Protein backbone atom coordinates (compact mmCIF):
# COMPACT_ATOMS: atom_id res chain seq x y z
CA MET A 1 18.87 -18.00 12.22
CA THR A 2 15.67 -16.41 10.98
CA LEU A 3 14.49 -13.98 8.31
CA TYR A 4 12.04 -11.61 10.01
CA LEU A 5 9.60 -9.62 7.88
CA ILE A 6 8.65 -6.75 10.16
CA GLY A 7 5.80 -4.37 9.44
CA LEU A 8 6.44 -0.69 10.09
CA GLY A 9 2.83 0.45 9.95
CA LEU A 10 1.33 3.35 8.07
CA TRP A 11 3.23 6.59 8.44
CA ASP A 12 6.36 6.98 10.58
CA GLU A 13 8.84 5.08 12.76
CA LYS A 14 6.52 5.36 15.77
CA ASP A 15 4.02 3.00 14.13
CA ILE A 16 6.22 -0.09 14.54
CA SER A 17 5.03 -2.50 17.24
CA VAL A 18 7.02 -3.13 20.40
CA LYS A 19 7.51 -6.71 19.26
CA GLY A 20 8.73 -5.56 15.86
CA LEU A 21 11.17 -3.08 17.36
CA GLU A 22 12.57 -5.55 19.87
CA THR A 23 13.05 -8.12 17.12
CA ALA A 24 14.81 -5.69 14.80
CA LYS A 25 17.16 -4.66 17.61
CA LYS A 26 18.36 -8.24 18.13
CA CYS A 27 18.99 -8.96 14.45
CA ASP A 28 22.49 -9.06 12.98
CA PHE A 29 21.44 -7.32 9.76
CA VAL A 30 18.60 -4.85 9.21
CA TYR A 31 17.19 -3.89 5.81
CA LEU A 32 14.46 -1.48 4.75
CA GLU A 33 12.38 -2.48 1.73
CA ASN A 34 11.68 0.77 -0.07
CA TYR A 35 9.58 0.10 -3.13
CA THR A 36 6.27 -1.69 -2.43
CA SER A 37 5.48 1.04 0.10
CA VAL A 38 7.31 4.09 1.38
CA MET A 39 7.19 5.54 4.88
CA LEU A 40 7.02 9.22 3.93
CA GLY A 41 6.58 10.35 7.54
CA THR A 42 10.06 9.22 8.48
CA THR A 43 13.52 8.56 7.07
CA PRO A 44 15.90 5.58 7.07
CA GLU A 45 18.09 7.59 9.44
CA LYS A 46 15.28 7.97 11.98
CA ILE A 47 14.42 4.28 11.76
CA SER A 48 18.09 3.40 12.18
CA ALA A 49 18.34 5.59 15.28
CA LEU A 50 15.26 3.89 16.75
CA VAL A 51 16.57 0.40 16.06
CA GLY A 52 20.07 1.34 17.16
CA LYS A 53 21.72 -0.25 14.13
CA PRO A 54 22.71 0.73 10.60
CA ILE A 55 20.00 0.05 8.04
CA THR A 56 20.50 -0.81 4.38
CA VAL A 57 17.80 0.52 2.05
CA LEU A 58 16.74 -1.90 -0.68
CA ASP A 59 15.26 -1.01 -4.05
CA ARG A 60 13.21 -3.35 -6.22
CA LYS A 61 16.20 -5.08 -7.80
CA ALA A 62 17.78 -5.74 -4.42
CA VAL A 63 14.54 -7.24 -3.07
CA GLU A 64 13.39 -9.29 -6.04
CA GLN A 65 16.64 -10.26 -7.72
CA ASP A 66 19.80 -9.83 -5.64
CA LYS A 67 18.28 -10.99 -2.32
CA LYS A 68 21.48 -10.67 -0.32
CA PHE A 69 19.38 -10.72 2.84
CA MET A 70 18.19 -14.22 1.96
CA ALA A 71 21.71 -15.66 1.89
CA GLN A 72 22.59 -13.94 5.17
CA ALA A 73 19.51 -15.42 6.86
CA LYS A 74 21.02 -18.89 6.47
CA LYS A 75 23.61 -18.01 9.10
CA SER A 76 22.26 -14.92 10.89
CA ASP A 77 19.11 -13.23 12.13
CA VAL A 78 18.00 -10.76 9.47
CA ALA A 79 15.25 -8.13 9.66
CA LEU A 80 13.48 -6.91 6.53
CA LEU A 81 11.51 -3.80 7.50
CA ILE A 82 8.42 -3.19 5.39
CA GLY A 83 5.97 -0.31 5.27
CA GLY A 84 2.45 -1.35 6.25
CA ASP A 85 1.92 -5.04 6.93
CA PRO A 86 4.33 -7.57 5.35
CA SER A 87 1.57 -10.00 4.38
CA VAL A 88 -0.20 -7.59 2.01
CA ALA A 89 2.19 -7.40 -0.97
CA THR A 90 2.68 -10.52 -3.10
CA THR A 91 6.41 -9.71 -3.22
CA HIS A 92 6.74 -10.63 0.45
CA ILE A 93 4.71 -13.81 0.10
CA GLU A 94 7.08 -14.86 -2.70
CA ILE A 95 10.06 -14.16 -0.42
CA ILE A 96 8.59 -16.41 2.26
CA GLN A 97 7.91 -19.20 -0.25
CA GLU A 98 11.45 -19.01 -1.60
CA ALA A 99 12.88 -19.01 1.93
CA LYS A 100 10.94 -22.19 2.70
CA LYS A 101 12.44 -23.87 -0.38
CA GLN A 102 15.90 -22.92 0.87
CA LYS A 103 15.01 -24.15 4.39
CA ILE A 104 15.35 -20.65 5.84
CA LYS A 105 13.17 -20.02 8.87
CA THR A 106 10.87 -17.00 8.52
CA GLN A 107 8.57 -15.04 10.79
CA ILE A 108 6.16 -12.21 10.01
CA ILE A 109 5.58 -9.52 12.60
CA HIS A 110 2.40 -7.73 11.64
CA ALA A 111 1.58 -4.03 11.73
CA SER A 112 -1.20 -1.62 10.81
CA SER A 113 -2.24 -1.80 7.18
CA ILE A 114 -4.01 0.44 4.69
CA LEU A 115 -6.42 -2.46 4.12
CA SER A 116 -8.02 -1.80 7.48
CA ALA A 117 -7.14 1.89 7.81
CA VAL A 118 -9.43 2.88 4.92
CA CYS A 119 -12.34 1.81 7.13
CA GLU A 120 -11.72 4.95 9.21
CA SER A 121 -13.82 6.54 6.47
CA GLY A 122 -16.83 4.58 7.68
CA LEU A 123 -16.73 1.95 4.94
CA PHE A 124 -17.48 -1.56 6.19
CA ASN A 125 -14.50 -3.90 6.04
CA TYR A 126 -16.59 -6.92 5.04
CA SER A 127 -17.99 -5.05 2.02
CA PHE A 128 -14.68 -4.95 0.14
CA GLY A 129 -14.05 -7.17 -2.85
CA LYS A 130 -10.88 -7.82 -4.83
CA SER A 131 -8.32 -5.00 -4.79
CA CYS A 132 -6.34 -3.74 -7.79
CA SER A 133 -3.53 -1.39 -8.75
CA ILE A 134 -3.27 1.39 -11.31
CA PRO A 135 0.23 1.64 -12.80
CA PHE A 136 1.68 4.72 -14.47
CA TRP A 137 0.81 4.69 -18.15
CA SER A 138 3.31 5.28 -20.93
CA ASP A 139 3.00 5.43 -24.72
CA LYS A 140 3.61 1.68 -24.98
CA PHE A 141 2.06 0.55 -21.70
CA LYS A 142 -1.60 1.25 -21.01
CA PRO A 143 -3.12 -1.72 -19.16
CA GLU A 144 -6.80 -1.65 -18.25
CA SER A 145 -7.32 -4.82 -16.19
CA PHE A 146 -7.81 -2.81 -12.99
CA TYR A 147 -10.91 -1.24 -14.54
CA ASP A 148 -12.45 -4.67 -15.00
CA VAL A 149 -11.81 -5.49 -11.33
CA ILE A 150 -13.60 -2.32 -10.22
CA VAL A 151 -16.58 -2.92 -12.50
CA GLU A 152 -16.91 -6.54 -11.40
CA ASN A 153 -16.87 -5.48 -7.75
CA MET A 154 -19.50 -2.82 -8.46
CA LYS A 155 -21.73 -5.47 -10.05
CA ASN A 156 -21.33 -7.51 -6.86
CA ASN A 157 -22.09 -4.47 -4.65
CA ALA A 158 -18.52 -4.62 -3.30
CA HIS A 159 -16.01 -1.84 -2.62
CA THR A 160 -12.62 -1.73 -4.35
CA ILE A 161 -9.34 -0.59 -2.83
CA VAL A 162 -7.27 0.81 -5.67
CA PHE A 163 -3.53 0.97 -5.00
CA LEU A 164 -1.76 3.77 -6.85
CA ASP A 165 1.63 3.38 -8.50
CA LEU A 166 4.82 4.82 -7.05
CA HIS A 167 8.40 5.22 -8.21
CA PRO A 168 10.18 6.27 -4.98
CA GLU A 169 13.59 6.52 -6.60
CA ALA A 170 12.20 9.19 -8.93
CA LYS A 171 10.01 10.71 -6.20
CA LYS A 172 7.02 10.01 -8.41
CA PHE A 173 3.72 9.08 -6.75
CA MET A 174 0.36 8.71 -8.45
CA THR A 175 -2.35 10.94 -7.02
CA VAL A 176 -6.04 10.22 -6.55
CA ASN A 177 -6.69 12.84 -9.23
CA ASP A 178 -4.39 11.07 -11.71
CA ALA A 179 -6.11 7.74 -11.04
CA LEU A 180 -9.60 9.15 -11.54
CA ARG A 181 -8.60 10.64 -14.90
CA VAL A 182 -7.27 7.26 -16.03
CA LEU A 183 -10.55 5.58 -15.05
CA LEU A 184 -12.55 8.17 -16.97
CA GLU A 185 -10.34 7.75 -20.03
CA ILE A 186 -11.03 4.02 -20.05
CA ALA A 187 -14.72 4.57 -19.35
CA ALA A 188 -14.98 6.82 -22.40
CA LYS A 189 -14.06 3.81 -24.59
CA ARG A 190 -16.32 1.36 -22.81
CA LYS A 191 -19.93 1.17 -21.62
CA LYS A 192 -19.29 3.90 -19.07
CA GLU A 193 -19.87 1.75 -15.99
CA ILE A 194 -17.76 4.43 -14.31
CA SER A 195 -18.68 8.07 -14.89
CA LEU A 196 -18.37 11.55 -13.42
CA ASN A 197 -21.32 10.65 -11.17
CA THR A 198 -19.63 7.56 -9.70
CA ILE A 199 -18.91 7.87 -5.99
CA ALA A 200 -15.25 7.65 -4.96
CA VAL A 201 -13.29 8.08 -1.75
CA GLY A 202 -9.78 9.51 -1.83
CA PHE A 203 -7.22 9.14 0.95
CA ALA A 204 -3.92 10.93 1.50
CA ARG A 205 -1.18 10.40 4.11
CA VAL A 206 -3.26 7.92 6.10
CA GLY A 207 -2.01 7.57 9.66
CA SER A 208 -0.47 11.04 9.80
CA LYS A 209 -1.69 14.08 11.70
CA ASN A 210 -2.70 15.74 8.46
CA GLN A 211 -4.36 12.82 6.72
CA VAL A 212 -7.16 13.55 4.26
CA ILE A 213 -10.25 11.43 3.64
CA LYS A 214 -12.63 12.89 1.07
CA ALA A 215 -15.73 11.30 -0.46
CA GLY A 216 -17.81 12.56 -3.37
CA THR A 217 -18.56 12.01 -7.01
CA ILE A 218 -15.61 11.66 -9.35
CA ALA A 219 -16.57 15.06 -10.75
CA GLU A 220 -16.24 16.57 -7.28
CA LEU A 221 -12.90 14.89 -6.57
CA LEU A 222 -11.16 15.38 -9.93
CA ASP A 223 -9.59 18.69 -8.94
CA PHE A 224 -9.72 18.35 -5.17
CA GLY A 225 -6.41 19.14 -3.48
CA PHE A 226 -5.40 15.97 -1.67
CA GLY A 227 -1.89 17.30 -1.14
CA ALA A 228 1.35 15.40 -0.68
CA PRO A 229 1.62 11.60 -1.14
CA MET A 230 0.93 8.84 -0.50
CA HIS A 231 -2.59 8.52 -1.89
CA ILE A 232 -5.01 5.63 -2.19
CA LEU A 233 -8.43 5.38 -3.82
CA VAL A 234 -11.60 3.47 -3.01
CA ILE A 235 -14.46 3.02 -5.47
CA PRO A 236 -17.41 1.90 -3.36
CA GLY A 237 -20.03 -0.59 -4.46
CA LYS A 238 -23.46 -0.48 -2.85
CA LEU A 239 -23.32 1.71 0.25
CA HIS A 240 -25.16 0.96 3.47
CA PHE A 241 -27.00 3.98 4.92
CA MET A 242 -24.50 4.05 7.81
CA GLU A 243 -21.61 4.19 5.33
CA LYS A 244 -23.28 7.03 3.45
CA GLU A 245 -23.76 8.93 6.68
CA ALA A 246 -20.12 8.42 7.71
CA LEU A 247 -18.92 9.58 4.28
CA GLY A 248 -21.14 12.65 4.37
CA LEU A 249 -23.07 11.61 1.28
């Protein structure tokens, strides 16, 4: 009896590893976690057809609070399918820690991740610092801690991966353009460590046939058409001449 956290990769059902697919096929119950990341290049129905079993889609409440899959893993083999790599989101690390406390055996089956995929742009993997996330703002909720992470990385000559918020149930996905406007709004109140002249790299639909990778100043990217989700943003620190060449800067 084991709880398997199986990475699906970046874009569609074809990105899952052979090991991940074979494991999912042998499990008694198969779930699809559908809130930390969303596989927009596929559907639960296509994944179910590939696995050969019915799949239950889980929202945030089902993953973080109800955790029916956890109880089932005490007596059965359970697969929790996760977009990207399961070890990236803190939610999945918390699941593993809780499973250990309940003496439930767990196993992660890794897959391609946006953390390495952004390096297709030419950015060096070892030059990245701490990552951060930009949530959707509301009238009563306007956090700015992510800005501090970016500025600190810039001071250390490190790049920042900026994850952009998503509300899949409402089909609401933050765009690179939205994120850049939030950064400029914060910068206007601060010392302007980030400005229209700051270099940024925007990504859309990474891993798909029509992915977009576009580098330029924030001014150049503000109104650039990145197209359909999902998007991710990188604010580079100090760029090596090879990185500049790869980015077309």
